[in-house]
Amino acid sequence: MRQFLAVTLCGFLVLPATSGNSAVAGRERERAAHVLNRLAFGARPGEIDRVARMGVDRWIAGQLQPEKISDTAIEQTLARYRTLSWSTSRIMKEVYQPLVTARRRAQRDGDDVQDGSMRELRREAQRVVGDLSAQRILRAAASERQLNEIMVDFWMNHFNVFAGKSIDRFLLTSYERDTIRPHIWGSFEELLLASARSPAMLFYLDNARSRRGGINENYAREIMELHSLGVDGGYTQKDVSELARVLTGWSIDRKRGNFVFRPALHDRDAKTVLGIRLPAGGGIKEGERMIRALAAHPSTAKHIARKLAERLVSDDPPPALVNRVAERFTATRGNLRETVKALVTSPEFNDPRYYRVKVKSPFEYTISAVRAVGGQIENPIPLAQQLKKMGQPLYFAQAPTGYGDDAASWVNSGALVERINFAIALTGNTIPGIRVPEVADPLRLAGVALSEDTLKVIADRKTDDPAAIAGLVIGSPEFQRQ
């Protein structure tokens, strides 16, 4: 293990961006491996050759229109997770309110809060996030709409909400299903507006309790700094304070869990944000006007373009690429399909210099490993637990920034030990809920030629067991890059 860990750590430092592809026959096959790593959660057995045969450009074009791709198999699988289709009001009524009532009764009467009925109520509460985690894992692993799932992961992280904050765990089902997923291929303006009206976001960033005479600036700051303009987007602290006043009254009904605008809590006086003068008495309309202004701002175009390029191209993307993607964002009034298309059809995205320069996040790594070995997920919860061990529990990024999307966030010895342990457990068929068939050609799992160091580690093990070799390849630096 120590030798393999050292090789893996060194591999992250010295593995060149263009290494390994000399053994891959043909430019189209090389591109196929690249797009399946960046625009999908890795290749399934035989998929690199299949995409190369159909043509990489054709595959990309299809993925950019996920609504035209049949995904009935995964939808049938998800039907067994009952809370996924529940409205927020039903979750609040049938899960949250009974739990709150039982806790209050136990505190009042001095009852044991660990009794059977309380444990069952807690299990129901855990089921809500458990069902969400299950569907994210299953969709990433098995959906035919792979780029769609990559973008869901991107935007859920961009508009991060922490499930561990009080009632947010009960608001997240609708947040992902009704706020994020329907808007990721439309206009950024509509996505930003939807997130601003989301009870999950308003509660997480404390705007639900912001009111005239008791203003909370958290959401106003983050919608500028993280969601739209970016930290260097040209706004001031005065703009934050004024936008917070604009957004007073944007709140939630805690009983039903839906968005409400409360005129009595709204600051009705005149305001000025980013040089835009808002007359007194604007009500909810002035908030909508400012959110649209943020979405259309040139700094937003640059910020979104850079974040997408960091996710799909490089931790330090070329400025010329960012500028062109930002221009496309502006020219299409923030059309996200056209923005992503401009990025993934760019010369830089297709430049071999940017192949395998990024390190997979734990989510990307675990899902790509399962896909690479042809694993069948019968119970996704053990995989969710593996993600927690690796430092990326789904829906539990506490900071508004979400999880990091660069190598520095994930490359450390402790995290890599967990990855290697996972790889060995996966290929050894010892992770509950995941069934892995025998791997026919484990040395090809990484999709590229393995380095001499990795091959030496495998040779030193003196084993011809395909499962053992597969575990070493899945744990190698070649596989952990994309």
Protein backbone atom coordinates (compact mmCIF):
# COMPACT_ATOMS: atom_id res chain seq x y z
CA MET A 1 0.00 0.00 0.00
CA ARG A 2 2.77 2.47 0.89
CA GLN A 3 4.53 1.85 -2.42
CA PHE A 4 1.31 2.25 -4.39
CA LEU A 5 0.35 5.41 -2.50
CA ALA A 6 3.76 6.92 -3.25
CA VAL A 7 3.40 6.08 -6.93
CA THR A 8 -0.09 7.58 -6.98
CA LEU A 9 0.99 10.81 -5.29
CA CYS A 10 3.98 11.14 -7.62
CA GLY A 11 1.73 10.45 -10.57
CA PHE A 12 -0.35 13.51 -9.79
CA LEU A 13 2.81 15.61 -9.76
CA VAL A 14 4.61 14.31 -12.83
CA LEU A 15 2.04 12.69 -15.12
CA PRO A 16 2.11 14.91 -18.23
CA ALA A 17 -1.10 16.09 -19.78
CA THR A 18 -0.48 14.15 -22.99
CA SER A 19 0.84 10.93 -21.46
CA GLY A 20 -0.48 7.50 -22.07
CA ASN A 21 -2.33 8.01 -25.34
CA SER A 22 0.41 6.53 -27.55
CA ALA A 23 -1.15 3.11 -27.03
CA VAL A 24 -4.61 4.29 -28.07
CA ALA A 25 -5.15 3.76 -31.78
CA GLY A 26 -6.58 6.67 -33.68
CA ARG A 27 -7.34 10.30 -33.03
CA GLU A 28 -11.09 9.68 -32.84
CA ARG A 29 -10.66 7.02 -30.18
CA GLU A 30 -8.44 9.37 -28.21
CA ARG A 31 -11.10 12.07 -28.43
CA ALA A 32 -13.78 9.56 -27.44
CA ALA A 33 -11.88 8.69 -24.27
CA HIS A 34 -11.50 12.42 -23.54
CA VAL A 35 -15.16 13.36 -23.93
CA LEU A 36 -16.33 10.35 -21.92
CA ASN A 37 -14.09 11.53 -19.09
CA ARG A 38 -15.17 15.19 -19.23
CA LEU A 39 -18.73 15.18 -20.57
CA ALA A 40 -19.73 11.91 -18.94
CA PHE A 41 -18.90 10.07 -15.73
CA GLY A 42 -16.35 7.89 -17.49
CA ALA A 43 -16.61 5.14 -20.07
CA ARG A 44 -18.45 1.85 -19.65
CA PRO A 45 -16.91 -1.33 -21.10
CA GLY A 46 -16.67 -0.95 -24.87
CA GLU A 47 -18.01 2.60 -24.87
CA ILE A 48 -14.86 4.32 -26.09
CA ASP A 49 -14.91 2.23 -29.26
CA ARG A 50 -18.67 2.73 -29.67
CA VAL A 51 -18.41 6.54 -29.44
CA ALA A 52 -15.38 6.56 -31.75
CA ARG A 53 -17.33 4.56 -34.34
CA MET A 54 -20.40 6.79 -34.21
CA GLY A 55 -18.22 9.93 -34.25
CA VAL A 56 -17.35 12.10 -31.27
CA ASP A 57 -18.98 15.21 -32.72
CA ARG A 58 -22.23 13.32 -33.26
CA TRP A 59 -22.13 12.01 -29.69
CA ILE A 60 -21.57 15.53 -28.31
CA ALA A 61 -24.42 16.93 -30.42
CA GLY A 62 -26.74 14.28 -29.01
CA GLN A 63 -25.70 14.94 -25.44
CA LEU A 64 -26.41 18.65 -25.89
CA GLN A 65 -30.07 17.72 -26.44
CA PRO A 66 -30.77 15.38 -23.52
CA GLU A 67 -34.53 15.82 -23.84
CA LYS A 68 -34.30 13.77 -27.07
CA ILE A 69 -32.46 10.87 -25.41
CA SER A 70 -34.63 8.08 -24.03
CA ASP A 71 -33.87 7.35 -20.38
CA THR A 72 -36.75 5.09 -19.43
CA ALA A 73 -34.57 2.45 -17.76
CA ILE A 74 -33.21 4.82 -15.12
CA GLU A 75 -36.64 6.43 -14.62
CA GLN A 76 -38.09 2.98 -13.89
CA THR A 77 -35.30 2.30 -11.41
CA LEU A 78 -35.92 5.60 -9.60
CA ALA A 79 -39.64 4.89 -9.21
CA ARG A 80 -38.92 2.86 -6.08
CA TYR A 81 -37.62 5.95 -4.25
CA ARG A 82 -40.98 7.32 -3.20
CA THR A 83 -40.03 10.73 -1.78
CA LEU A 84 -38.50 11.86 -5.09
CA SER A 85 -41.96 12.66 -6.44
CA TRP A 86 -43.33 14.23 -3.26
CA SER A 87 -44.11 17.94 -3.12
CA THR A 88 -42.40 19.99 -0.45
CA SER A 89 -45.73 20.51 1.31
CA ARG A 90 -46.18 16.74 1.55
CA ILE A 91 -42.65 16.24 2.88
CA MET A 92 -43.22 18.97 5.47
CA LYS A 93 -46.59 17.53 6.46
CA GLU A 94 -45.71 13.83 6.55
CA VAL A 95 -42.05 13.91 7.62
CA TYR A 96 -40.97 17.23 9.14
CA GLN A 97 -44.03 18.21 11.18
CA PRO A 98 -44.49 14.77 12.85
CA LEU A 99 -40.81 14.80 13.84
CA VAL A 100 -41.06 18.30 15.32
CA THR A 101 -44.27 17.42 17.19
CA ALA A 102 -42.76 14.24 18.62
CA ARG A 103 -39.62 16.06 19.78
CA ARG A 104 -41.66 18.75 21.51
CA ARG A 105 -43.86 16.14 23.18
CA ALA A 106 -40.83 14.18 24.37
CA GLN A 107 -39.21 17.31 25.81
CA ARG A 108 -42.45 18.35 27.52
CA ASP A 109 -43.20 14.95 29.01
CA GLY A 110 -39.61 13.92 29.71
CA ASP A 111 -39.93 10.90 27.40
CA ASP A 112 -37.02 9.02 25.91
CA VAL A 113 -36.15 10.70 22.61
CA GLN A 114 -34.50 7.44 21.55
CA ASP A 115 -37.63 5.29 21.73
CA GLY A 116 -38.92 3.27 18.79
CA SER A 117 -41.35 5.82 17.42
CA MET A 118 -38.72 8.58 17.42
CA ARG A 119 -36.21 6.32 15.69
CA GLU A 120 -38.77 5.59 12.97
CA LEU A 121 -39.46 9.31 12.48
CA ARG A 122 -35.73 9.97 12.19
CA ARG A 123 -35.41 7.20 9.62
CA GLU A 124 -38.15 8.84 7.58
CA ALA A 125 -36.31 12.17 7.79
CA GLN A 126 -33.07 10.50 6.69
CA ARG A 127 -34.91 8.82 3.84
CA VAL A 128 -35.56 12.17 2.14
CA VAL A 129 -31.86 12.96 1.64
CA GLY A 130 -31.12 9.26 1.21
CA ASP A 131 -33.50 9.05 -1.74
CA LEU A 132 -31.94 12.18 -3.23
CA SER A 133 -28.41 10.78 -2.86
CA ALA A 134 -29.54 7.48 -4.36
CA GLN A 135 -30.98 9.12 -7.46
CA ARG A 136 -27.88 11.30 -8.02
CA ILE A 137 -25.65 8.24 -7.88
CA LEU A 138 -27.92 6.09 -10.05
CA ARG A 139 -28.42 8.80 -12.67
CA ALA A 140 -24.68 9.52 -12.86
CA ALA A 141 -23.85 5.83 -13.19
CA ALA A 142 -26.59 4.67 -15.54
CA SER A 143 -28.32 7.58 -17.29
CA GLU A 144 -27.87 7.83 -21.04
CA ARG A 145 -28.04 11.61 -20.58
CA GLN A 146 -24.52 11.84 -19.26
CA LEU A 147 -23.76 15.48 -20.06
CA ASN A 148 -27.05 16.42 -18.42
CA GLU A 149 -25.90 14.78 -15.19
CA ILE A 150 -22.51 16.50 -15.41
CA MET A 151 -24.34 19.83 -15.68
CA VAL A 152 -26.69 18.98 -12.81
CA ASP A 153 -23.62 18.29 -10.69
CA PHE A 154 -22.06 21.58 -11.80
CA TRP A 155 -25.12 23.74 -11.15
CA MET A 156 -26.05 22.06 -7.86
CA ASN A 157 -22.55 22.93 -6.71
CA HIS A 158 -22.67 26.46 -8.16
CA PHE A 159 -25.96 27.12 -6.33
CA ASN A 160 -24.95 25.07 -3.30
CA VAL A 161 -27.39 24.43 -0.44
CA PHE A 162 -26.30 22.59 2.73
CA ALA A 163 -28.63 19.76 3.73
CA GLY A 164 -27.38 19.88 7.31
CA LYS A 165 -28.97 23.27 8.00
CA SER A 166 -32.26 22.62 9.80
CA ILE A 167 -35.22 22.29 7.43
CA ASP A 168 -33.13 22.46 4.24
CA ARG A 169 -32.95 18.66 4.12
CA PHE A 170 -36.72 18.70 3.57
CA LEU A 171 -36.54 21.43 0.90
CA LEU A 172 -33.81 19.91 -1.27
CA THR A 173 -36.00 17.42 -3.13
CA SER A 174 -37.94 20.19 -4.82
CA TYR A 175 -34.80 22.32 -5.13
CA GLU A 176 -33.04 19.83 -7.36
CA ARG A 177 -36.15 18.55 -9.14
CA ASP A 178 -38.01 21.83 -9.73
CA THR A 179 -35.39 24.59 -9.48
CA ILE A 180 -32.14 23.23 -10.93
CA ARG A 181 -32.89 20.37 -13.33
CA PRO A 182 -35.56 22.11 -15.47
CA HIS A 183 -33.42 25.20 -16.07
CA ILE A 184 -29.88 23.99 -16.83
CA TRP A 185 -30.34 24.10 -20.62
CA GLY A 186 -32.39 27.29 -20.73
CA SER A 187 -31.42 30.87 -19.92
CA PHE A 188 -29.17 31.74 -17.00
CA GLU A 189 -31.61 34.51 -16.11
CA GLU A 190 -34.41 32.01 -15.49
CA LEU A 191 -32.09 29.72 -13.54
CA LEU A 192 -30.94 32.62 -11.35
CA LEU A 193 -34.53 33.73 -10.77
CA ALA A 194 -35.60 30.19 -9.93
CA SER A 195 -32.80 29.85 -7.38
CA ALA A 196 -33.72 33.24 -5.87
CA ARG A 197 -37.31 32.06 -5.36
CA SER A 198 -36.21 28.71 -3.98
CA PRO A 199 -37.17 28.11 -0.32
CA ALA A 200 -34.04 25.97 0.06
CA MET A 201 -31.75 28.82 -1.01
CA LEU A 202 -33.63 31.54 0.89
CA PHE A 203 -33.48 29.50 4.09
CA TYR A 204 -29.86 28.41 3.65
CA LEU A 205 -28.56 31.95 3.12
CA ASP A 206 -30.89 33.51 5.70
CA ASN A 207 -32.90 35.71 3.38
CA ALA A 208 -36.11 34.12 4.64
CA ARG A 209 -35.71 36.12 7.86
CA SER A 210 -34.37 39.34 6.31
CA ARG A 211 -36.79 42.22 6.79
CA ARG A 212 -37.03 45.96 6.95
CA GLY A 213 -35.24 47.01 10.12
CA GLY A 214 -33.56 43.60 10.45
CA ILE A 215 -31.67 43.06 7.22
CA ASN A 216 -29.50 39.99 6.61
CA GLU A 217 -26.97 40.46 3.81
CA ASN A 218 -25.86 36.83 3.34
CA TYR A 219 -27.89 36.03 0.26
CA ALA A 220 -27.36 39.43 -1.37
CA ARG A 221 -23.60 38.96 -1.01
CA GLU A 222 -23.53 35.39 -2.33
CA ILE A 223 -25.84 36.00 -5.30
CA MET A 224 -23.33 38.62 -6.43
CA GLU A 225 -20.05 36.99 -5.40
CA LEU A 226 -20.80 33.34 -6.16
CA HIS A 227 -23.91 33.06 -8.32
CA SER A 228 -23.47 35.89 -10.82
CA LEU A 229 -20.83 38.64 -10.94
CA GLY A 230 -17.95 36.85 -9.24
CA VAL A 231 -15.71 38.14 -6.48
CA ASP A 232 -14.05 40.66 -8.82
CA GLY A 233 -17.29 41.56 -10.57
CA GLY A 234 -17.21 45.29 -9.87
CA TYR A 235 -19.70 45.57 -7.00
CA THR A 236 -19.15 47.28 -3.65
CA GLN A 237 -20.24 46.66 -0.09
CA LYS A 238 -22.79 49.42 -0.61
CA ASP A 239 -24.26 47.42 -3.52
CA VAL A 240 -24.52 44.35 -1.26
CA SER A 241 -26.35 46.34 1.40
CA GLU A 242 -28.71 47.92 -1.11
CA LEU A 243 -29.46 44.57 -2.80
CA ALA A 244 -30.20 43.09 0.62
CA ARG A 245 -32.80 45.84 1.09
CA VAL A 246 -34.22 45.02 -2.35
CA LEU A 247 -34.64 41.37 -1.35
CA THR A 248 -36.34 41.97 2.00
CA GLY A 249 -39.67 40.17 2.06
CA TRP A 250 -38.45 37.32 -0.20
CA SER A 251 -39.28 34.59 2.27
CA ILE A 252 -40.84 31.15 2.78
CA ASP A 253 -43.90 29.59 4.34
CA ARG A 254 -42.25 27.28 6.86
CA LYS A 255 -45.36 25.15 7.25
CA ARG A 256 -45.75 24.35 3.55
CA GLY A 257 -42.18 25.04 2.48
CA ASN A 258 -43.03 27.28 -0.46
CA PHE A 259 -41.83 30.72 -1.57
CA VAL A 260 -43.76 33.79 -0.43
CA PHE A 261 -43.20 37.49 -0.84
CA ARG A 262 -44.17 39.36 2.32
CA PRO A 263 -44.89 43.03 1.48
CA ALA A 264 -45.07 43.97 5.16
CA LEU A 265 -41.42 42.93 5.63
CA HIS A 266 -40.16 44.64 2.47
CA ASP A 267 -38.12 47.83 2.59
CA ARG A 268 -40.28 50.12 0.46
CA ASP A 269 -37.85 53.05 0.25
CA ALA A 270 -35.82 53.99 -2.84
CA LYS A 271 -32.55 52.14 -3.49
CA THR A 272 -29.60 52.18 -5.89
CA VAL A 273 -27.75 48.97 -6.86
CA LEU A 274 -24.89 48.87 -9.39
CA GLY A 275 -25.92 52.34 -10.51
CA ILE A 276 -29.51 51.27 -11.15
CA ARG A 277 -31.99 53.59 -9.45
CA LEU A 278 -35.02 51.82 -7.97
CA PRO A 279 -37.89 54.15 -6.99
CA ALA A 280 -39.77 53.67 -3.75
CA GLY A 281 -42.60 51.14 -3.64
CA GLY A 282 -41.19 48.68 -6.16
CA GLY A 283 -42.15 45.59 -4.17
CA ILE A 284 -41.20 42.16 -5.56
CA LYS A 285 -40.72 43.63 -9.03
CA GLU A 286 -37.57 45.50 -8.02
CA GLY A 287 -36.01 42.25 -6.86
CA GLU A 288 -36.86 40.55 -10.14
CA ARG A 289 -35.46 43.54 -12.03
CA MET A 290 -32.16 43.38 -10.15
CA ILE A 291 -31.80 39.62 -10.60
CA ARG A 292 -32.29 40.06 -14.34
CA ALA A 293 -29.71 42.85 -14.28
CA LEU A 294 -27.23 40.57 -12.52
CA ALA A 295 -27.83 37.80 -15.06
CA ALA A 296 -27.17 40.19 -17.97
CA HIS A 297 -24.09 41.86 -16.47
CA PRO A 298 -20.79 41.43 -18.40
CA SER A 299 -19.04 40.26 -15.23
CA THR A 300 -21.57 37.44 -14.93
CA ALA A 301 -20.80 36.25 -18.45
CA LYS A 302 -17.09 36.12 -17.62
CA HIS A 303 -17.66 34.45 -14.24
CA ILE A 304 -19.93 31.71 -15.60
CA ALA A 305 -17.67 31.12 -18.61
CA ARG A 306 -14.63 30.72 -16.39
CA LYS A 307 -16.35 28.34 -13.97
CA LEU A 308 -17.59 26.15 -16.81
CA ALA A 309 -14.12 26.14 -18.37
CA GLU A 310 -12.57 25.21 -15.03
CA ARG A 311 -14.96 22.27 -14.78
CA LEU A 312 -14.69 21.01 -18.36
CA VAL A 313 -11.25 22.09 -19.62
CA SER A 314 -8.62 22.95 -17.01
CA ASP A 315 -8.15 24.21 -13.46
CA ASP A 316 -6.51 27.23 -15.12
CA PRO A 317 -8.35 27.66 -18.43
CA PRO A 318 -6.90 29.78 -21.27
CA PRO A 319 -8.16 33.39 -21.03
CA ALA A 320 -8.94 33.44 -24.77
CA LEU A 321 -11.32 30.51 -24.32
CA VAL A 322 -13.03 32.15 -21.35
CA ASN A 323 -13.48 35.35 -23.34
CA ARG A 324 -15.03 33.56 -26.34
CA VAL A 325 -17.42 31.57 -24.17
CA ALA A 326 -18.39 34.73 -22.29
CA GLU A 327 -19.07 36.44 -25.62
CA ARG A 328 -21.33 33.57 -26.64
CA PHE A 329 -23.13 33.77 -23.29
CA THR A 330 -23.76 37.48 -23.88
CA ALA A 331 -24.74 37.11 -27.54
CA THR A 332 -27.37 34.48 -26.70
CA ARG A 333 -28.71 36.35 -23.64
CA GLY A 334 -27.31 33.71 -21.32
CA ASN A 335 -28.51 30.64 -23.25
CA LEU A 336 -26.82 27.84 -21.33
CA ARG A 337 -27.07 25.22 -24.07
CA GLU A 338 -25.30 27.55 -26.51
CA THR A 339 -22.75 28.52 -23.86
CA VAL A 340 -21.84 24.90 -23.10
CA LYS A 341 -21.78 24.11 -26.83
CA ALA A 342 -19.30 26.93 -27.44
CA LEU A 343 -17.05 25.44 -24.78
CA VAL A 344 -17.17 21.76 -25.73
CA THR A 345 -16.73 22.43 -29.46
CA SER A 346 -13.82 24.82 -28.89
CA PRO A 347 -10.28 24.08 -30.11
CA GLU A 348 -9.07 24.20 -26.51
CA PHE A 349 -11.50 21.53 -25.28
CA ASN A 350 -10.33 19.28 -28.11
CA ASP A 351 -6.63 20.10 -27.69
CA PRO A 352 -4.66 17.06 -26.41
CA ARG A 353 -2.71 19.44 -24.16
CA TYR A 354 -5.81 19.59 -21.98
CA TYR A 355 -6.50 15.87 -21.92
CA ARG A 356 -6.21 14.31 -18.45
CA VAL A 357 -5.06 17.54 -16.79
CA LYS A 358 -7.84 17.49 -14.22
CA VAL A 359 -8.18 15.29 -11.13
CA LYS A 360 -11.53 13.63 -10.58
CA SER A 361 -13.56 14.66 -7.56
CA PRO A 362 -14.60 11.77 -5.28
CA PHE A 363 -18.03 11.72 -6.94
CA GLU A 364 -16.51 11.60 -10.43
CA TYR A 365 -13.97 9.02 -9.33
CA THR A 366 -16.35 6.57 -7.67
CA ILE A 367 -18.95 6.73 -10.43
CA SER A 368 -16.35 6.40 -13.19
CA ALA A 369 -14.87 3.38 -11.39
CA VAL A 370 -18.25 1.67 -11.20
CA ARG A 371 -18.91 2.41 -14.86
CA ALA A 372 -15.43 1.28 -15.96
CA VAL A 373 -15.80 -2.19 -14.43
CA GLY A 374 -19.40 -2.58 -15.58
CA GLY A 375 -20.69 -2.57 -12.02
CA GLN A 376 -24.40 -2.90 -11.27
CA ILE A 377 -25.64 -0.71 -8.40
CA GLU A 378 -28.38 -2.52 -6.51
CA ASN A 379 -28.17 -0.30 -3.44
CA PRO A 380 -26.52 3.13 -3.87
CA ILE A 381 -26.36 4.01 -0.17
CA PRO A 382 -23.04 2.17 0.50
CA LEU A 383 -21.57 4.19 -2.37
CA ALA A 384 -22.87 7.39 -0.76
CA GLN A 385 -21.07 6.30 2.41
CA GLN A 386 -17.85 5.86 0.41
CA LEU A 387 -18.20 9.44 -0.82
CA LYS A 388 -18.46 10.62 2.78
CA LYS A 389 -15.20 8.81 3.60
CA MET A 390 -13.52 10.56 0.68
CA GLY A 391 -14.72 13.98 1.83
CA GLN A 392 -17.59 14.66 -0.58
CA PRO A 393 -20.90 13.62 0.99
CA LEU A 394 -23.66 14.56 -1.43
CA TYR A 395 -25.69 17.63 -0.39
CA PHE A 396 -23.47 18.27 2.64
CA ALA A 397 -21.03 20.92 1.42
CA GLN A 398 -21.42 23.40 4.26
CA ALA A 399 -19.95 26.54 2.66
CA PRO A 400 -21.88 28.48 -0.02
CA THR A 401 -18.94 27.89 -2.36
CA GLY A 402 -19.79 24.18 -2.56
CA TYR A 403 -17.05 21.63 -3.18
CA GLY A 404 -13.81 22.58 -4.90
CA ASP A 405 -13.39 21.75 -8.57
CA ASP A 406 -9.60 21.70 -8.77
CA ALA A 407 -6.82 19.25 -7.95
CA ALA A 408 -5.81 21.11 -4.79
CA SER A 409 -9.20 20.32 -3.25
CA TRP A 410 -8.76 16.56 -3.55
CA VAL A 411 -5.08 15.57 -3.78
CA ASN A 412 -3.78 14.65 -0.33
CA SER A 413 -2.48 11.42 1.14
CA GLY A 414 -5.50 10.74 3.37
CA ALA A 415 -7.99 11.12 0.54
CA LEU A 416 -5.89 9.01 -1.81
CA VAL A 417 -5.71 6.19 0.74
CA GLU A 418 -9.52 6.16 0.81
CA ARG A 419 -9.60 6.05 -3.00
CA ILE A 420 -7.20 3.12 -3.15
CA ASN A 421 -9.13 1.26 -0.45
CA PHE A 422 -12.32 1.88 -2.41
CA ALA A 423 -10.76 0.61 -5.66
CA ILE A 424 -9.63 -2.63 -4.02
CA ALA A 425 -13.00 -3.14 -2.31
CA LEU A 426 -14.93 -2.40 -5.52
CA THR A 427 -13.02 -4.77 -7.75
CA GLY A 428 -12.97 -7.36 -4.99
CA ASN A 429 -16.79 -7.27 -4.85
CA THR A 430 -16.81 -6.42 -1.15
CA ILE A 431 -18.85 -3.19 -1.27
CA PRO A 432 -22.45 -4.05 -0.38
CA GLY A 433 -25.02 -3.17 -2.98
CA ILE A 434 -22.63 -3.19 -5.96
CA ARG A 435 -22.13 -6.25 -8.14
CA VAL A 436 -19.01 -6.26 -10.32
CA PRO A 437 -18.53 -8.87 -13.08
CA GLU A 438 -15.12 -10.33 -13.85
CA VAL A 439 -13.04 -7.74 -15.70
CA ALA A 440 -11.79 -9.19 -18.98
CA ASP A 441 -8.89 -6.77 -19.58
CA PRO A 442 -8.06 -4.85 -16.39
CA LEU A 443 -4.98 -3.13 -17.85
CA ARG A 444 -7.25 -1.18 -20.22
CA LEU A 445 -9.56 0.23 -17.54
CA ALA A 446 -7.85 3.62 -17.42
CA GLY A 447 -8.51 4.23 -21.12
CA VAL A 448 -4.84 5.16 -21.65
CA ALA A 449 -1.51 3.35 -21.49
CA LEU A 450 -0.30 2.94 -17.93
CA SER A 451 2.92 4.55 -16.75
CA GLU A 452 6.05 2.48 -16.10
CA ASP A 453 5.67 3.15 -12.35
CA THR A 454 2.11 1.82 -12.28
CA LEU A 455 3.07 -1.22 -14.35
CA LYS A 456 5.96 -1.90 -11.96
CA VAL A 457 3.64 -1.79 -8.95
CA ILE A 458 1.34 -4.29 -10.66
CA ALA A 459 4.25 -6.53 -11.64
CA ASP A 460 5.67 -6.44 -8.11
CA ARG A 461 2.38 -7.81 -6.77
CA LYS A 462 3.08 -11.01 -8.74
CA THR A 463 -0.58 -11.73 -9.30
CA ASP A 464 -2.61 -12.77 -12.31
CA ASP A 465 -5.92 -12.22 -10.50
CA PRO A 466 -7.95 -9.86 -12.75
CA ALA A 467 -9.78 -8.37 -9.75
CA ALA A 468 -6.52 -7.52 -7.95
CA ILE A 469 -5.03 -5.99 -11.10
CA ALA A 470 -8.24 -4.03 -11.73
CA GLY A 471 -8.08 -2.61 -8.20
CA LEU A 472 -4.53 -1.37 -8.79
CA VAL A 473 -5.49 0.23 -12.11
CA ILE A 474 -8.58 1.92 -10.65
CA GLY A 475 -6.40 3.29 -7.86
CA SER A 476 -3.68 4.49 -10.22
CA PRO A 477 -3.01 8.17 -11.04
CA GLU A 478 -3.87 7.46 -14.68
CA PHE A 479 -7.42 6.49 -13.73
CA GLN A 480 -7.83 9.29 -11.20
CA ARG A 481 -7.19 11.89 -13.87
CA GLN A 482 -9.63 13.00 -16.51
